[in-house]
Amino acid sequence: MSWTGVGAFVGFALAVAFYSPESGNEGFVYLIYVGLLAGLLVGARHTLRTRATALAFPLGFLATSLLAAAWAVHDVGPSGAYAFIAAVMAAMIIIGPSNYLDMFLAPLSYFGGFATAMLVFKGYEPLQGTEGAVASLFVVGVMGAILAFFALFARWAFEVARSLPRRR
C-alpha cells in the first residue's frame, strides 16, 4: 500500500501539470488511476517496510469518503471538517513512523488516498452542487496531508527525546 498512495499522488501531480484551461481536457485526471496502478505494481515488486505510509493511503481515502458521505446527507460545518483532520492527526500519532522515509512518504500517500476518493466522487452532482462541500473536502485532503507529517514528526521527536540520557 505504500507505493500505491505515492503513485496516486504522482498521478495527481502529473494531472495538474498537464491540465490546461485552454484545452479543457479533463482526461488527465485519470492519471491518478494510472499512478495508483503503477504504484501497486511497483509495490508488488519492491516492498517497503513502512507503517505509517502503508496506512496513510487508506486513511486518506476513508477520511475523504466519510466526509463526502456526510456532506451528501447534511451540511457539515467547519468544525466537522476539522474533526476529521483531528482524527487523521490522532491516527498518525498513534501509528508512528517506522523510519525517516516513512515520515516523508506518509503525507504523499495520504494525499494520494484523498485524490483517489475525490476522483471517485467527481461526477456526484449533489456533492458538487453543495456550497462548501468541495472546499471542506480539499481542506481535509491538503491539511490532513500536512498535519499527517507533523503528527509523525511529533511522534518521532517524542521517541527520540525519550531515549536521550537524563542529566543529573
C-alpha atoms as a PDB file:
ATOM      1  CA  MET A   1       0.000   0.000   0.000  1.00  0.00           C
ATOM      2  CA  SER A   2       2.946   2.348   0.454  1.00  0.00           C
ATOM      3  CA  TRP A   3       3.742   2.709  -3.220  1.00  0.00           C
ATOM      4  CA  THR A   4       0.059   2.763  -4.173  1.00  0.00           C
ATOM      5  CA  GLY A   5      -0.600   6.023  -2.360  1.00  0.00           C
ATOM      6  CA  VAL A   6       2.624   7.594  -3.590  1.00  0.00           C
ATOM      7  CA  GLY A   7       1.754   6.522  -7.138  1.00  0.00           C
ATOM      8  CA  ALA A   8      -1.685   8.128  -6.851  1.00  0.00           C
ATOM      9  CA  PHE A   9      -0.007  11.331  -5.618  1.00  0.00           C
ATOM     10  CA  VAL A  10       2.388  11.301  -8.579  1.00  0.00           C
ATOM     11  CA  GLY A  11      -0.573  10.732 -10.903  1.00  0.00           C
ATOM     12  CA  PHE A  12      -2.325  13.713  -9.335  1.00  0.00           C
ATOM     13  CA  ALA A  13       0.787  15.877  -9.719  1.00  0.00           C
ATOM     14  CA  LEU A  14       1.089  14.887 -13.380  1.00  0.00           C
ATOM     15  CA  ALA A  15      -2.605  15.557 -13.989  1.00  0.00           C
ATOM     16  CA  VAL A  16      -2.233  19.043 -12.542  1.00  0.00           C
ATOM     17  CA  ALA A  17       0.932  19.640 -14.582  1.00  0.00           C
ATOM     18  CA  PHE A  18      -0.638  18.559 -17.877  1.00  0.00           C
ATOM     19  CA  TYR A  19      -4.022  20.222 -17.403  1.00  0.00           C
ATOM     20  CA  SER A  20      -4.588  23.369 -19.410  1.00  0.00           C
ATOM     21  CA  PRO A  21      -7.638  25.620 -19.080  1.00  0.00           C
ATOM     22  CA  GLU A  22      -7.421  26.490 -22.775  1.00  0.00           C
ATOM     23  CA  SER A  23      -7.826  22.902 -23.943  1.00  0.00           C
ATOM     24  CA  GLY A  24     -10.330  21.990 -21.229  1.00  0.00           C
ATOM     25  CA  ASN A  25      -9.160  18.382 -21.379  1.00  0.00           C
ATOM     26  CA  GLU A  26     -10.155  16.815 -18.087  1.00  0.00           C
ATOM     27  CA  GLY A  27      -8.972  13.374 -19.198  1.00  0.00           C
ATOM     28  CA  PHE A  28      -5.665  13.937 -17.464  1.00  0.00           C
ATOM     29  CA  VAL A  29      -7.397  13.486 -14.109  1.00  0.00           C
ATOM     30  CA  TYR A  30      -7.430   9.743 -14.783  1.00  0.00           C
ATOM     31  CA  LEU A  31      -3.650   9.772 -14.436  1.00  0.00           C
ATOM     32  CA  ILE A  32      -4.436   9.337 -10.739  1.00  0.00           C
ATOM     33  CA  TYR A  33      -5.682   5.822 -11.516  1.00  0.00           C
ATOM     34  CA  VAL A  34      -2.652   5.192 -13.723  1.00  0.00           C
ATOM     35  CA  GLY A  35      -0.355   6.280 -10.875  1.00  0.00           C
ATOM     36  CA  LEU A  36      -2.330   4.128  -8.457  1.00  0.00           C
ATOM     37  CA  LEU A  37      -1.887   1.077 -10.678  1.00  0.00           C
ATOM     38  CA  ALA A  38       1.791   1.852 -11.298  1.00  0.00           C
ATOM     39  CA  GLY A  39       2.348   2.213  -7.562  1.00  0.00           C
ATOM     40  CA  LEU A  40       0.583  -1.074  -6.958  1.00  0.00           C
ATOM     41  CA  LEU A  41       2.861  -2.804  -9.475  1.00  0.00           C
ATOM     42  CA  VAL A  42       5.994  -1.186  -8.030  1.00  0.00           C
ATOM     43  CA  GLY A  43       4.853  -2.176  -4.540  1.00  0.00           C
ATOM     44  CA  ALA A  44       4.404  -5.778  -5.615  1.00  0.00           C
ATOM     45  CA  ARG A  45       7.976  -5.829  -6.910  1.00  0.00           C
ATOM     46  CA  HIS A  46       9.765  -3.604  -4.360  1.00  0.00           C
ATOM     47  CA  THR A  47       8.308  -3.744  -0.885  1.00  0.00           C
ATOM     48  CA  LEU A  48       8.939  -1.064   1.712  1.00  0.00           C
ATOM     49  CA  ARG A  49       8.971  -1.671   5.434  1.00  0.00           C
ATOM     50  CA  THR A  50       6.751   1.210   6.459  1.00  0.00           C
ATOM     51  CA  ARG A  51       3.983   1.526   8.979  1.00  0.00           C
ATOM     52  CA  ALA A  52       2.527   4.982   8.521  1.00  0.00           C
ATOM     53  CA  THR A  53       2.857   5.185   4.738  1.00  0.00           C
ATOM     54  CA  ALA A  54       1.068   1.885   4.253  1.00  0.00           C
ATOM     55  CA  LEU A  55      -1.856   3.063   6.378  1.00  0.00           C
ATOM     56  CA  ALA A  56      -1.913   6.672   5.148  1.00  0.00           C
ATOM     57  CA  PHE A  57      -3.408   5.840   1.740  1.00  0.00           C
ATOM     58  CA  PRO A  58      -6.473   4.018   3.120  1.00  0.00           C
ATOM     59  CA  LEU A  59      -6.765   6.652   5.855  1.00  0.00           C
ATOM     60  CA  GLY A  60      -6.818   9.486   3.294  1.00  0.00           C
ATOM     61  CA  PHE A  61      -9.334   7.626   1.166  1.00  0.00           C
ATOM     62  CA  LEU A  62     -11.508   6.784   4.174  1.00  0.00           C
ATOM     63  CA  ALA A  63     -11.463  10.288   5.702  1.00  0.00           C
ATOM     64  CA  THR A  64     -12.363  11.883   2.365  1.00  0.00           C
ATOM     65  CA  SER A  65     -15.057   9.320   1.591  1.00  0.00           C
ATOM     66  CA  LEU A  66     -16.656   9.601   5.025  1.00  0.00           C
ATOM     67  CA  LEU A  67     -16.706  13.387   4.844  1.00  0.00           C
ATOM     68  CA  ALA A  68     -18.195  13.245   1.335  1.00  0.00           C
ATOM     69  CA  ALA A  69     -20.871  10.836   2.578  1.00  0.00           C
ATOM     70  CA  ALA A  70     -21.605  13.152   5.492  1.00  0.00           C
ATOM     71  CA  TRP A  71     -21.963  16.088   3.093  1.00  0.00           C
ATOM     72  CA  ALA A  72     -24.312  14.022   0.915  1.00  0.00           C
ATOM     73  CA  VAL A  73     -26.651  13.551   3.879  1.00  0.00           C
ATOM     74  CA  HIS A  74     -26.492  17.002   5.517  1.00  0.00           C
ATOM     75  CA  ASP A  75     -24.372  20.131   5.710  1.00  0.00           C
ATOM     76  CA  VAL A  76     -21.145  19.687   7.619  1.00  0.00           C
ATOM     77  CA  GLY A  77     -19.762  22.818   9.205  1.00  0.00           C
ATOM     78  CA  PRO A  78     -16.128  23.767   9.518  1.00  0.00           C
ATOM     79  CA  SER A  79     -15.922  22.125  12.934  1.00  0.00           C
ATOM     80  CA  GLY A  80     -16.975  18.822  11.354  1.00  0.00           C
ATOM     81  CA  ALA A  81     -14.208  19.060   8.770  1.00  0.00           C
ATOM     82  CA  TYR A  82     -11.711  19.930  11.499  1.00  0.00           C
ATOM     83  CA  ALA A  83     -12.867  16.891  13.465  1.00  0.00           C
ATOM     84  CA  PHE A  84     -11.879  14.709  10.503  1.00  0.00           C
ATOM     85  CA  ILE A  85      -8.454  16.379  10.411  1.00  0.00           C
ATOM     86  CA  ALA A  86      -8.056  15.832  14.163  1.00  0.00           C
ATOM     87  CA  ALA A  87      -8.932  12.160  13.744  1.00  0.00           C
ATOM     88  CA  VAL A  88      -6.337  11.817  10.979  1.00  0.00           C
ATOM     89  CA  MET A  89      -3.700  13.506  13.109  1.00  0.00           C
ATOM     90  CA  ALA A  90      -4.518  11.319  16.115  1.00  0.00           C
ATOM     91  CA  ALA A  91      -4.323   8.191  13.971  1.00  0.00           C
ATOM     92  CA  MET A  92      -0.923   9.219  12.602  1.00  0.00           C
ATOM     93  CA  ILE A  93       0.396   9.932  16.102  1.00  0.00           C
ATOM     94  CA  ILE A  94      -0.779   6.509  17.289  1.00  0.00           C
ATOM     95  CA  ILE A  95       0.663   4.704  14.245  1.00  0.00           C
ATOM     96  CA  GLY A  96       4.022   6.493  14.280  1.00  0.00           C
ATOM     97  CA  PRO A  97       6.724   6.306  11.618  1.00  0.00           C
ATOM     98  CA  SER A  98       8.975   3.297  11.264  1.00  0.00           C
ATOM     99  CA  ASN A  99      11.837   5.337   9.760  1.00  0.00           C
ATOM    100  CA  TYR A 100      12.673   8.671   8.131  1.00  0.00           C
ATOM    101  CA  LEU A 101      11.426   7.625   4.702  1.00  0.00           C
ATOM    102  CA  ASP A 102       8.135   6.594   6.253  1.00  0.00           C
ATOM    103  CA  MET A 103       7.736  10.032   7.828  1.00  0.00           C
ATOM    104  CA  PHE A 104       8.187  11.796   4.483  1.00  0.00           C
ATOM    105  CA  LEU A 105       6.210   9.385   2.273  1.00  0.00           C
ATOM    106  CA  ALA A 106       3.141   9.169   4.528  1.00  0.00           C
ATOM    107  CA  PRO A 107       1.778  12.648   3.623  1.00  0.00           C
ATOM    108  CA  LEU A 108       2.180  11.860  -0.075  1.00  0.00           C
ATOM    109  CA  SER A 109       0.384   8.563   0.397  1.00  0.00           C
ATOM    110  CA  TYR A 110      -2.395  10.244   2.395  1.00  0.00           C
ATOM    111  CA  PHE A 111      -2.839  12.833  -0.351  1.00  0.00           C
ATOM    112  CA  GLY A 112      -2.933  10.012  -2.910  1.00  0.00           C
ATOM    113  CA  GLY A 113      -5.829   8.445  -0.994  1.00  0.00           C
ATOM    114  CA  PHE A 114      -7.564  11.822  -0.889  1.00  0.00           C
ATOM    115  CA  ALA A 115      -7.070  12.338  -4.650  1.00  0.00           C
ATOM    116  CA  THR A 116      -8.409   8.864  -5.403  1.00  0.00           C
ATOM    117  CA  ALA A 117     -11.509   9.464  -3.259  1.00  0.00           C
ATOM    118  CA  MET A 118     -12.102  12.844  -4.918  1.00  0.00           C
ATOM    119  CA  LEU A 119     -11.911  11.136  -8.303  1.00  0.00           C
ATOM    120  CA  VAL A 120     -14.485   8.581  -7.169  1.00  0.00           C
ATOM    121  CA  PHE A 121     -16.870  11.412  -6.195  1.00  0.00           C
ATOM    122  CA  LYS A 122     -16.013  13.510  -9.276  1.00  0.00           C
ATOM    123  CA  GLY A 123     -19.367  13.334 -11.013  1.00  0.00           C
ATOM    124  CA  TYR A 124     -21.599  13.114  -7.947  1.00  0.00           C
ATOM    125  CA  GLU A 125     -23.864  16.121  -8.520  1.00  0.00           C
ATOM    126  CA  PRO A 126     -25.390  16.576  -5.023  1.00  0.00           C
ATOM    127  CA  LEU A 127     -21.885  16.868  -3.605  1.00  0.00           C
ATOM    128  CA  GLN A 128     -20.617  19.148  -6.375  1.00  0.00           C
ATOM    129  CA  GLY A 129     -23.614  21.435  -6.095  1.00  0.00           C
ATOM    130  CA  THR A 130     -23.423  21.887  -2.323  1.00  0.00           C
ATOM    131  CA  GLU A 131     -21.713  25.081  -1.315  1.00  0.00           C
ATOM    132  CA  GLY A 132     -18.722  24.404   0.906  1.00  0.00           C
ATOM    133  CA  ALA A 133     -18.603  20.650   0.358  1.00  0.00           C
ATOM    134  CA  VAL A 134     -15.727  20.567  -2.104  1.00  0.00           C
ATOM    135  CA  ALA A 135     -13.847  23.249  -0.163  1.00  0.00           C
ATOM    136  CA  SER A 136     -14.087  21.295   3.083  1.00  0.00           C
ATOM    137  CA  LEU A 137     -13.022  18.115   1.284  1.00  0.00           C
ATOM    138  CA  PHE A 138      -9.937  19.902  -0.021  1.00  0.00           C
ATOM    139  CA  VAL A 139      -9.215  21.226   3.465  1.00  0.00           C
ATOM    140  CA  VAL A 140      -9.340  17.680   4.818  1.00  0.00           C
ATOM    141  CA  GLY A 141      -7.114  16.471   1.980  1.00  0.00           C
ATOM    142  CA  VAL A 142      -4.463  19.149   1.955  1.00  0.00           C
ATOM    143  CA  MET A 143      -4.385  19.963   5.670  1.00  0.00           C
ATOM    144  CA  GLY A 144      -4.683  16.280   6.510  1.00  0.00           C
ATOM    145  CA  ALA A 145      -1.546  15.532   4.498  1.00  0.00           C
ATOM    146  CA  ILE A 146       0.360  18.413   6.092  1.00  0.00           C
ATOM    147  CA  LEU A 147      -0.755  17.530   9.594  1.00  0.00           C
ATOM    148  CA  ALA A 148      -0.017  13.845   8.977  1.00  0.00           C
ATOM    149  CA  PHE A 149       3.623  14.824   8.518  1.00  0.00           C
ATOM    150  CA  PHE A 150       3.646  16.956  11.650  1.00  0.00           C
ATOM    151  CA  ALA A 151       1.951  14.209  13.655  1.00  0.00           C
ATOM    152  CA  LEU A 152       4.548  11.683  12.542  1.00  0.00           C
ATOM    153  CA  PHE A 153       7.324  14.169  13.214  1.00  0.00           C
ATOM    154  CA  ALA A 154       5.953  14.827  16.707  1.00  0.00           C
ATOM    155  CA  ARG A 155       5.811  11.101  17.444  1.00  0.00           C
ATOM    156  CA  TRP A 156       9.364  10.652  16.161  1.00  0.00           C
ATOM    157  CA  ALA A 157      10.627  13.642  18.191  1.00  0.00           C
ATOM    158  CA  PHE A 158       8.927  12.301  21.334  1.00  0.00           C
ATOM    159  CA  GLU A 159      10.548   8.890  20.894  1.00  0.00           C
ATOM    160  CA  VAL A 160      13.966  10.446  20.291  1.00  0.00           C
ATOM    161  CA  ALA A 161      13.612  12.735  23.312  1.00  0.00           C
ATOM    162  CA  ARG A 162      12.537   9.835  25.474  1.00  0.00           C
ATOM    163  CA  SER A 163      15.616   7.841  24.531  1.00  0.00           C
ATOM    164  CA  LEU A 164      18.066  10.639  25.393  1.00  0.00           C
ATOM    165  CA  PRO A 165      20.042  10.045  28.562  1.00  0.00           C
ATOM    166  CA  ARG A 166      18.971  12.143  31.517  1.00  0.00           C
ATOM    167  CA  ARG A 167      21.386  14.560  33.110  1.00  0.00           C
ATOM    168  CA  ARG A 168      21.847  14.559  36.862  1.00  0.00           C
END
